[in-house]
Amino acid sequence: MSMATNTTSTADTTGTGDATGIRRPGTADITGTGDAGAPANPLRIATVNVNGLRAAYKRGMAAWLAPRGVDILCLQEVRAPDSVVQEYLGDEWHVHHAEAAAKGRAGVAIASRRGRVEPVATRVGIGDDYFATAGRWVEADFEITDPGGSSQKLTVASAYVHSGEAETPKQADKYRFLELMAKRLREMRRDSDHSLVVGDLNVGHTELDIRNWKGNVKRAGFLPDERAYFDRFFGTDIGWRDVHRTLAGDVEGPYTWWSWRGKAFDNDTGWRIDYHLATPELAAGAASAVVDRAPSWETRFSDHAPLVVDYHLAAASAAGAQTP
C-alpha cells in the first residue's frame, strides 16, 4: 500500500497489535478528571462505514473495536434499528443513531464511551426536510475541559453522502446534500469551539485519492462538480481541513475503500472516500491518523477500513487562542 512513511500508517486489526500513527511534534496531553465530559487527551475518534452492522459483527468487527481504545465511534451504513445497534455495541457506549426510513439502507450513528466522554446535546438531520428520514447525518455536542479548566465545545457529525450516479436524480440528490454540507460547515465553525465531520463522503477529492483515477473521471465519486465542493470545503471560503490528507502528505491514498470484487483489496486498488473534516484549530491538534486496513481479504469486516485519528485538545485549544 502506498502511504507516507512518517505521518500515517495502516494497522493490525486482529486485536493483537497496537495501532498508532506518528505523532505531530509539539502536541500535549490534557489531564482530565475522568468524569464524563472531561476526558484526558488524546481523544481517539474513529469512523467506519460498516456496510451493515450485523454483517460487520459476524465478520469480526468486535475483535477490532475491543482493544482499539476508541472514545467516539462514528458509523455509517448501519442498516439496523436502535435496539440492535445498542445490543451489538453494548451498555458501555452511549449511542445516538439515525435509522433510515428505507429498511436496510443507510443509517448513521455516533457512539461515545460512557464515563469517558458523553454528549450534552444531539441532533438528527442536516437541516432539510427532504433528507429528514434518510439516515445520513447525525450530530453530537461534547464538553471537553482543557488544562486550564475551561470548557470547550466539540461538535461531531457522522455523515453518509450519497453514492450518486452521473446524470440521474441520484446525482441531483447528492449535489443537494453537498450544498447543505457547505452551509452546515459554516454554521458549525461559527457555533462551536471545535467541529468535526467524519464519515463516508463518497468523493475522491484529488487524483491521489483513487488508484485508477483516469478511468473514473466521468463516474460518480470523482466528477469535477463533486470535487469542486471539496475545494470549497478546504478553501478560504469555508476553511476546514482534511485531517488525513494533511498528516499523510501528497502520497497515493492511503485508501479506505476497496471493492469486494476481484483483486481490488489485494492489489490496493482503492479509493480514499472516508474523511475527518475538522475546523482549523482542531486539525492543529490532530496527532496521528491510521487506516486500520485488515491484514487480508478474508479478515475484512467491511468493504471500508476504519479511519482512526487521535486529537490532542490542548494543542487545539492553544491554536484557537492564537487565532485572531
C-alpha atoms as a PDB file:
ATOM      1  CA  MET A   1       0.000   0.000   0.000  1.00  0.00           C
ATOM      2  CA  SER A   2       1.289   3.432  -0.896  1.00  0.00           C
ATOM      3  CA  MET A   3       1.461   5.713   2.109  1.00  0.00           C
ATOM      4  CA  ALA A   4       3.518   8.352   3.837  1.00  0.00           C
ATOM      5  CA  THR A   5       6.307   6.783   5.828  1.00  0.00           C
ATOM      6  CA  ASN A   6       6.334   9.392   8.590  1.00  0.00           C
ATOM      7  CA  THR A   7       2.796  10.576   9.061  1.00  0.00           C
ATOM      8  CA  THR A   8       0.149   7.879   8.840  1.00  0.00           C
ATOM      9  CA  SER A   9       0.002   4.125   8.847  1.00  0.00           C
ATOM     10  CA  THR A  10      -2.134   1.099   8.422  1.00  0.00           C
ATOM     11  CA  ALA A  11      -2.724  -1.020  11.480  1.00  0.00           C
ATOM     12  CA  ASP A  12      -3.030  -4.596  12.610  1.00  0.00           C
ATOM     13  CA  THR A  13      -6.768  -5.126  13.032  1.00  0.00           C
ATOM     14  CA  THR A  14      -6.645  -8.558  14.597  1.00  0.00           C
ATOM     15  CA  GLY A  15      -6.535  -7.175  18.133  1.00  0.00           C
ATOM     16  CA  THR A  16      -3.007  -8.406  18.735  1.00  0.00           C
ATOM     17  CA  GLY A  17      -1.115  -5.264  17.811  1.00  0.00           C
ATOM     18  CA  ASP A  18      -1.039  -1.628  18.895  1.00  0.00           C
ATOM     19  CA  ALA A  19      -2.187   0.662  16.122  1.00  0.00           C
ATOM     20  CA  THR A  20      -0.515   4.025  16.374  1.00  0.00           C
ATOM     21  CA  GLY A  21       0.306   6.686  13.852  1.00  0.00           C
ATOM     22  CA  ILE A  22       3.210   9.090  14.050  1.00  0.00           C
ATOM     23  CA  ARG A  23       2.616  11.991  16.432  1.00  0.00           C
ATOM     24  CA  ARG A  24       2.851  15.532  15.235  1.00  0.00           C
ATOM     25  CA  PRO A  25       5.588  17.325  17.188  1.00  0.00           C
ATOM     26  CA  GLY A  26       4.572  19.788  19.873  1.00  0.00           C
ATOM     27  CA  THR A  27       1.255  18.251  20.875  1.00  0.00           C
ATOM     28  CA  ALA A  28       0.469  17.849  24.561  1.00  0.00           C
ATOM     29  CA  ASP A  29      -1.943  15.899  26.702  1.00  0.00           C
ATOM     30  CA  ILE A  30      -4.880  17.242  28.638  1.00  0.00           C
ATOM     31  CA  THR A  31      -5.081  15.845  32.137  1.00  0.00           C
ATOM     32  CA  GLY A  32      -8.772  15.299  32.660  1.00  0.00           C
ATOM     33  CA  THR A  33     -10.625  14.348  35.807  1.00  0.00           C
ATOM     34  CA  GLY A  34     -12.017  11.141  34.363  1.00  0.00           C
ATOM     35  CA  ASP A  35     -15.557  12.488  34.687  1.00  0.00           C
ATOM     36  CA  ALA A  36     -17.910  12.335  31.717  1.00  0.00           C
ATOM     37  CA  GLY A  37     -17.319  15.363  29.530  1.00  0.00           C
ATOM     38  CA  ALA A  38     -13.733  15.881  30.772  1.00  0.00           C
ATOM     39  CA  PRO A  39     -11.556  13.230  29.147  1.00  0.00           C
ATOM     40  CA  ALA A  40      -7.804  13.070  29.249  1.00  0.00           C
ATOM     41  CA  ASN A  41      -6.176  13.616  25.899  1.00  0.00           C
ATOM     42  CA  PRO A  42      -5.663  12.255  23.345  1.00  0.00           C
ATOM     43  CA  LEU A  43      -9.249  11.887  22.288  1.00  0.00           C
ATOM     44  CA  ARG A  44      -9.452   8.966  19.846  1.00  0.00           C
ATOM     45  CA  ILE A  45     -12.163   9.301  17.210  1.00  0.00           C
ATOM     46  CA  ALA A  46     -12.847   6.594  14.640  1.00  0.00           C
ATOM     47  CA  THR A  47     -15.122   6.479  11.614  1.00  0.00           C
ATOM     48  CA  VAL A  48     -16.106   3.447   9.571  1.00  0.00           C
ATOM     49  CA  ASN A  49     -18.770   2.523   7.075  1.00  0.00           C
ATOM     50  CA  VAL A  50     -19.726  -0.890   8.448  1.00  0.00           C
ATOM     51  CA  ASN A  51     -21.746  -1.985   5.403  1.00  0.00           C
ATOM     52  CA  GLY A  52     -24.402  -3.329   7.759  1.00  0.00           C
ATOM     53  CA  LEU A  53     -23.708  -3.588  11.488  1.00  0.00           C
ATOM     54  CA  ARG A  54     -24.981  -7.148  11.857  1.00  0.00           C
ATOM     55  CA  ALA A  55     -22.809  -8.351   8.977  1.00  0.00           C
ATOM     56  CA  ALA A  56     -19.791  -6.452  10.293  1.00  0.00           C
ATOM     57  CA  TYR A  57     -20.063  -8.120  13.695  1.00  0.00           C
ATOM     58  CA  LYS A  58     -20.410 -11.531  12.091  1.00  0.00           C
ATOM     59  CA  ARG A  59     -17.183 -10.810  10.210  1.00  0.00           C
ATOM     60  CA  GLY A  60     -15.260  -9.770  13.319  1.00  0.00           C
ATOM     61  CA  MET A  61     -15.803  -6.082  13.992  1.00  0.00           C
ATOM     62  CA  ALA A  62     -15.876  -6.685  17.745  1.00  0.00           C
ATOM     63  CA  ALA A  63     -12.323  -8.036  17.641  1.00  0.00           C
ATOM     64  CA  TRP A  64     -11.188  -4.803  16.000  1.00  0.00           C
ATOM     65  CA  LEU A  65     -13.076  -2.471  18.345  1.00  0.00           C
ATOM     66  CA  ALA A  66     -12.424  -4.076  21.749  1.00  0.00           C
ATOM     67  CA  PRO A  67      -8.687  -3.294  22.041  1.00  0.00           C
ATOM     68  CA  ARG A  68      -8.665  -0.128  19.943  1.00  0.00           C
ATOM     69  CA  GLY A  69      -9.234   2.448  22.693  1.00  0.00           C
ATOM     70  CA  VAL A  70     -11.779   4.472  20.734  1.00  0.00           C
ATOM     71  CA  ASP A  71     -13.578   7.240  22.637  1.00  0.00           C
ATOM     72  CA  ILE A  72     -16.001   8.351  19.913  1.00  0.00           C
ATOM     73  CA  LEU A  73     -17.046   5.888  17.220  1.00  0.00           C
ATOM     74  CA  CYS A  74     -18.894   7.141  14.150  1.00  0.00           C
ATOM     75  CA  LEU A  75     -20.677   4.629  11.944  1.00  0.00           C
ATOM     76  CA  GLN A  76     -22.271   4.762   8.509  1.00  0.00           C
ATOM     77  CA  GLU A  77     -24.492   2.306   6.647  1.00  0.00           C
ATOM     78  CA  VAL A  78     -25.623   0.866   9.971  1.00  0.00           C
ATOM     79  CA  ARG A  79     -28.753  -0.695   8.421  1.00  0.00           C
ATOM     80  CA  ALA A  80     -30.309  -1.687  11.740  1.00  0.00           C
ATOM     81  CA  PRO A  81     -32.831  -0.370  14.298  1.00  0.00           C
ATOM     82  CA  ASP A  82     -31.787   1.396  17.506  1.00  0.00           C
ATOM     83  CA  SER A  83     -32.228  -1.674  19.689  1.00  0.00           C
ATOM     84  CA  VAL A  84     -29.897  -3.761  17.540  1.00  0.00           C
ATOM     85  CA  VAL A  85     -27.224  -1.049  17.453  1.00  0.00           C
ATOM     86  CA  GLN A  86     -27.217  -0.774  21.257  1.00  0.00           C
ATOM     87  CA  GLU A  87     -27.240  -4.559  21.650  1.00  0.00           C
ATOM     88  CA  TYR A  88     -24.205  -5.046  19.451  1.00  0.00           C
ATOM     89  CA  LEU A  89     -22.158  -2.161  20.848  1.00  0.00           C
ATOM     90  CA  GLY A  90     -23.076  -2.825  24.477  1.00  0.00           C
ATOM     91  CA  ASP A  91     -24.020  -0.743  27.503  1.00  0.00           C
ATOM     92  CA  GLU A  92     -20.590   0.868  27.785  1.00  0.00           C
ATOM     93  CA  TRP A  93     -21.499   3.037  24.787  1.00  0.00           C
ATOM     94  CA  HIS A  94     -23.918   5.945  24.590  1.00  0.00           C
ATOM     95  CA  VAL A  95     -25.472   5.602  21.122  1.00  0.00           C
ATOM     96  CA  HIS A  96     -27.008   8.395  19.063  1.00  0.00           C
ATOM     97  CA  HIS A  97     -28.428   6.813  15.918  1.00  0.00           C
ATOM     98  CA  ALA A  98     -30.475   7.955  12.917  1.00  0.00           C
ATOM     99  CA  GLU A  99     -32.099   4.984  11.246  1.00  0.00           C
ATOM    100  CA  ALA A 100     -33.144   5.412   7.622  1.00  0.00           C
ATOM    101  CA  ALA A 101     -36.847   5.147   6.845  1.00  0.00           C
ATOM    102  CA  ALA A 102     -35.961   2.797   3.989  1.00  0.00           C
ATOM    103  CA  LYS A 103     -35.269  -0.535   5.662  1.00  0.00           C
ATOM    104  CA  GLY A 104     -31.834  -1.984   5.051  1.00  0.00           C
ATOM    105  CA  ARG A 105     -30.457   1.308   3.759  1.00  0.00           C
ATOM    106  CA  ALA A 106     -28.075   3.952   5.113  1.00  0.00           C
ATOM    107  CA  GLY A 107     -28.246   4.799   8.829  1.00  0.00           C
ATOM    108  CA  VAL A 108     -25.599   6.752  10.758  1.00  0.00           C
ATOM    109  CA  ALA A 109     -24.567   6.762  14.410  1.00  0.00           C
ATOM    110  CA  ILE A 110     -22.262   8.389  16.942  1.00  0.00           C
ATOM    111  CA  ALA A 111     -21.301   6.146  19.850  1.00  0.00           C
ATOM    112  CA  SER A 112     -19.356   7.618  22.763  1.00  0.00           C
ATOM    113  CA  ARG A 113     -17.810   5.703  25.622  1.00  0.00           C
ATOM    114  CA  ARG A 114     -19.694   6.180  28.896  1.00  0.00           C
ATOM    115  CA  GLY A 115     -17.583   7.574  31.723  1.00  0.00           C
ATOM    116  CA  ARG A 116     -15.050   8.891  29.235  1.00  0.00           C
ATOM    117  CA  VAL A 117     -16.978  11.352  27.080  1.00  0.00           C
ATOM    118  CA  GLU A 118     -20.746  11.681  26.726  1.00  0.00           C
ATOM    119  CA  PRO A 119     -22.828  14.119  24.681  1.00  0.00           C
ATOM    120  CA  VAL A 120     -24.573  17.113  26.187  1.00  0.00           C
ATOM    121  CA  ALA A 121     -26.783  17.577  23.108  1.00  0.00           C
ATOM    122  CA  THR A 122     -27.661  15.593  19.983  1.00  0.00           C
ATOM    123  CA  ARG A 123     -29.335  16.345  16.655  1.00  0.00           C
ATOM    124  CA  VAL A 124     -30.547  14.403  13.634  1.00  0.00           C
ATOM    125  CA  GLY A 125     -30.549  15.711  10.069  1.00  0.00           C
ATOM    126  CA  ILE A 126     -28.703  18.269   8.018  1.00  0.00           C
ATOM    127  CA  GLY A 127     -31.421  20.935   8.001  1.00  0.00           C
ATOM    128  CA  ASP A 128     -33.563  19.928   5.014  1.00  0.00           C
ATOM    129  CA  ASP A 129     -36.811  18.007   5.444  1.00  0.00           C
ATOM    130  CA  TYR A 130     -36.122  16.269   2.141  1.00  0.00           C
ATOM    131  CA  PHE A 131     -33.381  14.283   3.925  1.00  0.00           C
ATOM    132  CA  ALA A 132     -35.056  14.138   7.344  1.00  0.00           C
ATOM    133  CA  THR A 133     -35.519  10.347   7.326  1.00  0.00           C
ATOM    134  CA  ALA A 134     -32.616   9.469   5.042  1.00  0.00           C
ATOM    135  CA  GLY A 135     -30.295   8.337   7.847  1.00  0.00           C
ATOM    136  CA  ARG A 136     -27.349  10.324   6.535  1.00  0.00           C
ATOM    137  CA  TRP A 137     -26.427  12.935   9.171  1.00  0.00           C
ATOM    138  CA  VAL A 138     -26.289  12.986  12.984  1.00  0.00           C
ATOM    139  CA  GLU A 139     -24.519  15.385  15.341  1.00  0.00           C
ATOM    140  CA  ALA A 140     -23.489  15.365  18.975  1.00  0.00           C
ATOM    141  CA  ASP A 141     -22.038  18.118  21.173  1.00  0.00           C
ATOM    142  CA  PHE A 142     -19.440  17.279  23.822  1.00  0.00           C
ATOM    143  CA  GLU A 143     -17.982  19.464  26.570  1.00  0.00           C
ATOM    144  CA  ILE A 144     -14.238  18.996  26.842  1.00  0.00           C
ATOM    145  CA  THR A 145     -12.226  20.552  29.669  1.00  0.00           C
ATOM    146  CA  ASP A 146      -8.829  21.984  28.754  1.00  0.00           C
ATOM    147  CA  PRO A 147      -5.793  22.043  31.107  1.00  0.00           C
ATOM    148  CA  GLY A 148      -6.742  25.476  32.404  1.00  0.00           C
ATOM    149  CA  GLY A 149     -10.167  24.239  33.459  1.00  0.00           C
ATOM    150  CA  SER A 150     -12.054  25.990  30.671  1.00  0.00           C
ATOM    151  CA  SER A 151     -14.859  24.147  28.930  1.00  0.00           C
ATOM    152  CA  GLN A 152     -14.566  23.692  25.182  1.00  0.00           C
ATOM    153  CA  LYS A 153     -17.490  22.702  22.967  1.00  0.00           C
ATOM    154  CA  LEU A 154     -16.708  19.941  20.461  1.00  0.00           C
ATOM    155  CA  THR A 155     -19.348  19.160  17.830  1.00  0.00           C
ATOM    156  CA  VAL A 156     -19.042  15.862  15.946  1.00  0.00           C
ATOM    157  CA  ALA A 157     -21.103  14.794  12.931  1.00  0.00           C
ATOM    158  CA  SER A 158     -21.294  11.348  11.356  1.00  0.00           C
ATOM    159  CA  ALA A 159     -22.157  11.687   7.670  1.00  0.00           C
ATOM    160  CA  TYR A 160     -23.006   9.344   4.839  1.00  0.00           C
ATOM    161  CA  VAL A 161     -23.093  11.129   1.490  1.00  0.00           C
ATOM    162  CA  HIS A 162     -24.963   9.543  -1.397  1.00  0.00           C
ATOM    163  CA  SER A 163     -23.037   7.397  -3.856  1.00  0.00           C
ATOM    164  CA  GLY A 164     -24.786   9.150  -6.719  1.00  0.00           C
ATOM    165  CA  GLU A 165     -24.979   8.203 -10.370  1.00  0.00           C
ATOM    166  CA  ALA A 166     -23.939  10.614 -13.087  1.00  0.00           C
ATOM    167  CA  GLU A 167     -26.772  12.412 -14.895  1.00  0.00           C
ATOM    168  CA  THR A 168     -29.547  10.832 -12.829  1.00  0.00           C
ATOM    169  CA  PRO A 169     -31.838  12.003  -9.990  1.00  0.00           C
ATOM    170  CA  LYS A 170     -29.490  10.170  -7.587  1.00  0.00           C
ATOM    171  CA  GLN A 171     -26.737  12.601  -8.555  1.00  0.00           C
ATOM    172  CA  ALA A 172     -29.068  15.559  -8.080  1.00  0.00           C
ATOM    173  CA  ASP A 173     -29.730  14.358  -4.531  1.00  0.00           C
ATOM    174  CA  LYS A 174     -26.003  14.089  -3.939  1.00  0.00           C
ATOM    175  CA  TYR A 175     -25.371  17.660  -5.065  1.00  0.00           C
ATOM    176  CA  ARG A 176     -28.252  18.891  -2.922  1.00  0.00           C
ATOM    177  CA  PHE A 177     -26.748  17.160   0.100  1.00  0.00           C
ATOM    178  CA  LEU A 178     -23.245  18.511  -0.597  1.00  0.00           C
ATOM    179  CA  GLU A 179     -24.656  22.034  -0.866  1.00  0.00           C
ATOM    180  CA  LEU A 180     -26.308  21.582   2.524  1.00  0.00           C
ATOM    181  CA  MET A 181     -22.982  20.352   3.883  1.00  0.00           C
ATOM    182  CA  ALA A 182     -21.296  23.552   2.743  1.00  0.00           C
ATOM    183  CA  LYS A 183     -23.894  25.574   4.639  1.00  0.00           C
ATOM    184  CA  ARG A 184     -23.693  23.392   7.748  1.00  0.00           C
ATOM    185  CA  LEU A 185     -19.889  23.502   7.872  1.00  0.00           C
ATOM    186  CA  ARG A 186     -20.022  27.285   8.102  1.00  0.00           C
ATOM    187  CA  GLU A 187     -22.602  27.098  10.888  1.00  0.00           C
ATOM    188  CA  MET A 188     -20.661  24.520  12.872  1.00  0.00           C
ATOM    189  CA  ARG A 189     -17.464  26.533  12.680  1.00  0.00           C
ATOM    190  CA  ARG A 190     -19.357  29.576  13.924  1.00  0.00           C
ATOM    191  CA  ASP A 191     -21.233  27.852  16.753  1.00  0.00           C
ATOM    192  CA  SER A 192     -18.626  25.555  18.359  1.00  0.00           C
ATOM    193  CA  ASP A 193     -15.083  25.919  19.654  1.00  0.00           C
ATOM    194  CA  HIS A 194     -14.120  22.814  17.657  1.00  0.00           C
ATOM    195  CA  SER A 195     -16.061  20.902  14.998  1.00  0.00           C
ATOM    196  CA  LEU A 196     -15.506  17.622  13.194  1.00  0.00           C
ATOM    197  CA  VAL A 197     -17.379  15.933  10.353  1.00  0.00           C
ATOM    198  CA  VAL A 198     -16.405  12.336   9.706  1.00  0.00           C
ATOM    199  CA  GLY A 199     -17.740   9.574   7.540  1.00  0.00           C
ATOM    200  CA  ASP A 200     -18.133   8.084   4.108  1.00  0.00           C
ATOM    201  CA  LEU A 201     -18.374  11.160   1.901  1.00  0.00           C
ATOM    202  CA  ASN A 202     -18.281   9.189  -1.365  1.00  0.00           C
ATOM    203  CA  VAL A 203     -15.994  11.608  -3.204  1.00  0.00           C
ATOM    204  CA  GLY A 204     -12.322  11.298  -4.007  1.00  0.00           C
ATOM    205  CA  HIS A 205     -11.068  14.866  -3.804  1.00  0.00           C
ATOM    206  CA  THR A 206      -7.892  14.614  -5.891  1.00  0.00           C
ATOM    207  CA  GLU A 207      -6.071  12.217  -8.182  1.00  0.00           C
ATOM    208  CA  LEU A 208      -4.163  10.950  -5.152  1.00  0.00           C
ATOM    209  CA  ASP A 209      -7.393   9.621  -3.667  1.00  0.00           C
ATOM    210  CA  ILE A 210      -8.193   6.985  -6.317  1.00  0.00           C
ATOM    211  CA  ARG A 211      -5.756   4.401  -7.644  1.00  0.00           C
ATOM    212  CA  ASN A 212      -7.337   4.281 -11.123  1.00  0.00           C
ATOM    213  CA  TRP A 213      -8.471   7.895 -11.303  1.00  0.00           C
ATOM    214  CA  LYS A 214      -8.178   8.209 -15.110  1.00  0.00           C
ATOM    215  CA  GLY A 215     -10.878   5.601 -15.608  1.00  0.00           C
ATOM    216  CA  ASN A 216     -13.254   7.320 -13.178  1.00  0.00           C
ATOM    217  CA  VAL A 217     -13.356  10.961 -14.283  1.00  0.00           C
ATOM    218  CA  LYS A 218     -16.885  10.548 -15.668  1.00  0.00           C
ATOM    219  CA  ARG A 219     -18.184   8.420 -12.817  1.00  0.00           C
ATOM    220  CA  ALA A 220     -19.919   9.462  -9.616  1.00  0.00           C
ATOM    221  CA  GLY A 221     -17.366   9.802  -6.854  1.00  0.00           C
ATOM    222  CA  PHE A 222     -14.804  11.620  -8.992  1.00  0.00           C
ATOM    223  CA  LEU A 223     -16.851  14.035 -11.079  1.00  0.00           C
ATOM    224  CA  PRO A 224     -15.412  17.560 -11.389  1.00  0.00           C
ATOM    225  CA  ASP A 225     -18.507  19.142  -9.839  1.00  0.00           C
ATOM    226  CA  GLU A 226     -18.299  16.806  -6.825  1.00  0.00           C
ATOM    227  CA  ARG A 227     -14.633  17.526  -6.306  1.00  0.00           C
ATOM    228  CA  ALA A 228     -15.318  21.262  -6.564  1.00  0.00           C
ATOM    229  CA  TYR A 229     -17.379  21.028  -3.383  1.00  0.00           C
ATOM    230  CA  PHE A 230     -14.316  19.724  -1.554  1.00  0.00           C
ATOM    231  CA  ASP A 231     -12.266  22.565  -2.989  1.00  0.00           C
ATOM    232  CA  ARG A 232     -14.794  24.830  -1.277  1.00  0.00           C
ATOM    233  CA  PHE A 233     -14.777  22.867   1.983  1.00  0.00           C
ATOM    234  CA  PHE A 234     -10.985  23.152   2.239  1.00  0.00           C
ATOM    235  CA  GLY A 235     -10.592  26.563   0.590  1.00  0.00           C
ATOM    236  CA  THR A 236     -10.588  30.017   2.102  1.00  0.00           C
ATOM    237  CA  ASP A 237     -14.367  30.365   1.729  1.00  0.00           C
ATOM    238  CA  ILE A 238     -15.270  27.638   4.270  1.00  0.00           C
ATOM    239  CA  GLY A 239     -11.810  26.947   5.659  1.00  0.00           C
ATOM    240  CA  TRP A 240     -11.987  23.402   7.052  1.00  0.00           C
ATOM    241  CA  ARG A 241      -9.090  20.908   6.947  1.00  0.00           C
ATOM    242  CA  ASP A 242      -8.731  17.397   5.522  1.00  0.00           C
ATOM    243  CA  VAL A 243      -7.008  15.871   8.562  1.00  0.00           C
ATOM    244  CA  HIS A 244      -5.980  12.580   6.992  1.00  0.00           C
ATOM    245  CA  ARG A 245      -4.507  14.209   3.873  1.00  0.00           C
ATOM    246  CA  THR A 246      -2.679  16.809   5.956  1.00  0.00           C
ATOM    247  CA  LEU A 247      -0.986  14.108   8.028  1.00  0.00           C
ATOM    248  CA  ALA A 248      -0.380  11.727   5.125  1.00  0.00           C
ATOM    249  CA  GLY A 249       1.080  14.312   2.773  1.00  0.00           C
ATOM    250  CA  ASP A 250       0.993  14.184  -1.025  1.00  0.00           C
ATOM    251  CA  VAL A 251       1.033  10.416  -1.467  1.00  0.00           C
ATOM    252  CA  GLU A 252      -1.288   7.969  -3.205  1.00  0.00           C
ATOM    253  CA  GLY A 253      -4.056   7.095  -0.790  1.00  0.00           C
ATOM    254  CA  PRO A 254      -3.891   5.848   1.870  1.00  0.00           C
ATOM    255  CA  TYR A 255      -7.141   4.290   0.688  1.00  0.00           C
ATOM    256  CA  THR A 256     -10.133   3.473   2.865  1.00  0.00           C
ATOM    257  CA  TRP A 257     -12.436   1.562   0.469  1.00  0.00           C
ATOM    258  CA  TRP A 258     -11.867  -1.396  -1.829  1.00  0.00           C
ATOM    259  CA  SER A 259     -14.448  -3.312  -3.822  1.00  0.00           C
ATOM    260  CA  TRP A 260     -15.303  -6.801  -2.583  1.00  0.00           C
ATOM    261  CA  ARG A 261     -14.869  -7.953  -6.184  1.00  0.00           C
ATOM    262  CA  GLY A 262     -11.785  -9.392  -7.807  1.00  0.00           C
ATOM    263  CA  LYS A 263      -8.330  -8.497  -6.502  1.00  0.00           C
ATOM    264  CA  ALA A 264      -9.023  -4.844  -5.657  1.00  0.00           C
ATOM    265  CA  PHE A 265      -8.081  -5.283  -2.000  1.00  0.00           C
ATOM    266  CA  ASP A 266      -5.052  -7.486  -2.641  1.00  0.00           C
ATOM    267  CA  ASN A 267      -3.739  -5.050  -5.273  1.00  0.00           C
ATOM    268  CA  ASP A 268      -4.618  -1.991  -3.177  1.00  0.00           C
ATOM    269  CA  THR A 269      -6.813  -0.637  -5.963  1.00  0.00           C
ATOM    270  CA  GLY A 270      -8.786   1.567  -3.642  1.00  0.00           C
ATOM    271  CA  TRP A 271     -10.463   4.902  -3.050  1.00  0.00           C
ATOM    272  CA  ARG A 272      -9.919   7.375  -0.199  1.00  0.00           C
ATOM    273  CA  ILE A 273     -13.518   8.420   0.429  1.00  0.00           C
ATOM    274  CA  ASP A 274     -13.708   8.288   4.246  1.00  0.00           C
ATOM    275  CA  TYR A 275     -12.723  11.539   5.908  1.00  0.00           C
ATOM    276  CA  HIS A 276     -12.088  13.519   9.056  1.00  0.00           C
ATOM    277  CA  LEU A 277     -13.000  17.130   8.209  1.00  0.00           C
ATOM    278  CA  ALA A 278     -12.010  19.459  11.044  1.00  0.00           C
ATOM    279  CA  THR A 279     -12.044  23.135  11.834  1.00  0.00           C
ATOM    280  CA  PRO A 280      -8.509  24.548  11.672  1.00  0.00           C
ATOM    281  CA  GLU A 281      -7.895  24.725  15.413  1.00  0.00           C
ATOM    282  CA  LEU A 282      -8.998  21.132  15.956  1.00  0.00           C
ATOM    283  CA  ALA A 283      -6.961  19.973  12.964  1.00  0.00           C
ATOM    284  CA  ALA A 284      -3.906  21.574  14.571  1.00  0.00           C
ATOM    285  CA  GLY A 285      -4.332  19.140  17.463  1.00  0.00           C
ATOM    286  CA  ALA A 286      -4.528  16.039  15.246  1.00  0.00           C
ATOM    287  CA  ALA A 287      -1.504  13.965  16.160  1.00  0.00           C
ATOM    288  CA  SER A 288      -1.915  10.739  14.183  1.00  0.00           C
ATOM    289  CA  ALA A 289      -4.152   9.206  11.532  1.00  0.00           C
ATOM    290  CA  VAL A 290      -4.365   5.466  10.994  1.00  0.00           C
ATOM    291  CA  VAL A 291      -6.214   3.408   8.389  1.00  0.00           C
ATOM    292  CA  ASP A 292      -6.994   0.103  10.062  1.00  0.00           C
ATOM    293  CA  ARG A 293      -6.601  -1.947   6.897  1.00  0.00           C
ATOM    294  CA  ALA A 294      -7.293  -5.631   7.507  1.00  0.00           C
ATOM    295  CA  PRO A 295      -4.327  -7.968   7.042  1.00  0.00           C
ATOM    296  CA  SER A 296      -6.150  -9.965   4.341  1.00  0.00           C
ATOM    297  CA  TRP A 297      -9.298 -10.014   2.230  1.00  0.00           C
ATOM    298  CA  GLU A 298     -10.724 -12.789   4.392  1.00  0.00           C
ATOM    299  CA  THR A 299     -10.355 -10.802   7.646  1.00  0.00           C
ATOM    300  CA  ARG A 300     -12.200  -7.678   6.476  1.00  0.00           C
ATOM    301  CA  PHE A 301     -15.411  -6.867   8.334  1.00  0.00           C
ATOM    302  CA  SER A 302     -16.478  -4.258   5.757  1.00  0.00           C
ATOM    303  CA  ASP A 303     -15.506  -3.020   2.322  1.00  0.00           C
ATOM    304  CA  HIS A 304     -14.323   0.124   4.147  1.00  0.00           C
ATOM    305  CA  ALA A 305     -11.483   0.285   6.662  1.00  0.00           C
ATOM    306  CA  PRO A 306     -11.766   2.360   9.837  1.00  0.00           C
ATOM    307  CA  LEU A 307     -10.015   5.721   9.869  1.00  0.00           C
ATOM    308  CA  VAL A 308      -8.790   6.494  13.394  1.00  0.00           C
ATOM    309  CA  VAL A 309      -7.422   9.889  14.462  1.00  0.00           C
ATOM    310  CA  ASP A 310      -6.007  10.997  17.819  1.00  0.00           C
ATOM    311  CA  TYR A 311      -6.751  14.615  18.774  1.00  0.00           C
ATOM    312  CA  HIS A 312      -4.839  16.490  21.463  1.00  0.00           C
ATOM    313  CA  LEU A 313      -7.306  19.105  22.615  1.00  0.00           C
ATOM    314  CA  ALA A 314      -4.615  21.042  24.463  1.00  0.00           C
ATOM    315  CA  ALA A 315      -2.909  21.758  21.146  1.00  0.00           C
ATOM    316  CA  ALA A 316      -6.270  22.562  19.558  1.00  0.00           C
ATOM    317  CA  SER A 317      -7.120  24.986  22.346  1.00  0.00           C
ATOM    318  CA  ALA A 318      -3.730  26.673  22.022  1.00  0.00           C
ATOM    319  CA  ALA A 319      -4.275  27.052  18.285  1.00  0.00           C
ATOM    320  CA  GLY A 320      -7.682  28.587  18.957  1.00  0.00           C
ATOM    321  CA  ALA A 321      -6.196  31.073  21.403  1.00  0.00           C
ATOM    322  CA  GLN A 322      -3.759  32.228  18.731  1.00  0.00           C
ATOM    323  CA  THR A 323      -6.477  32.714  16.098  1.00  0.00           C
ATOM    324  CA  PRO A 324      -7.299  36.401  15.620  1.00  0.00           C
END
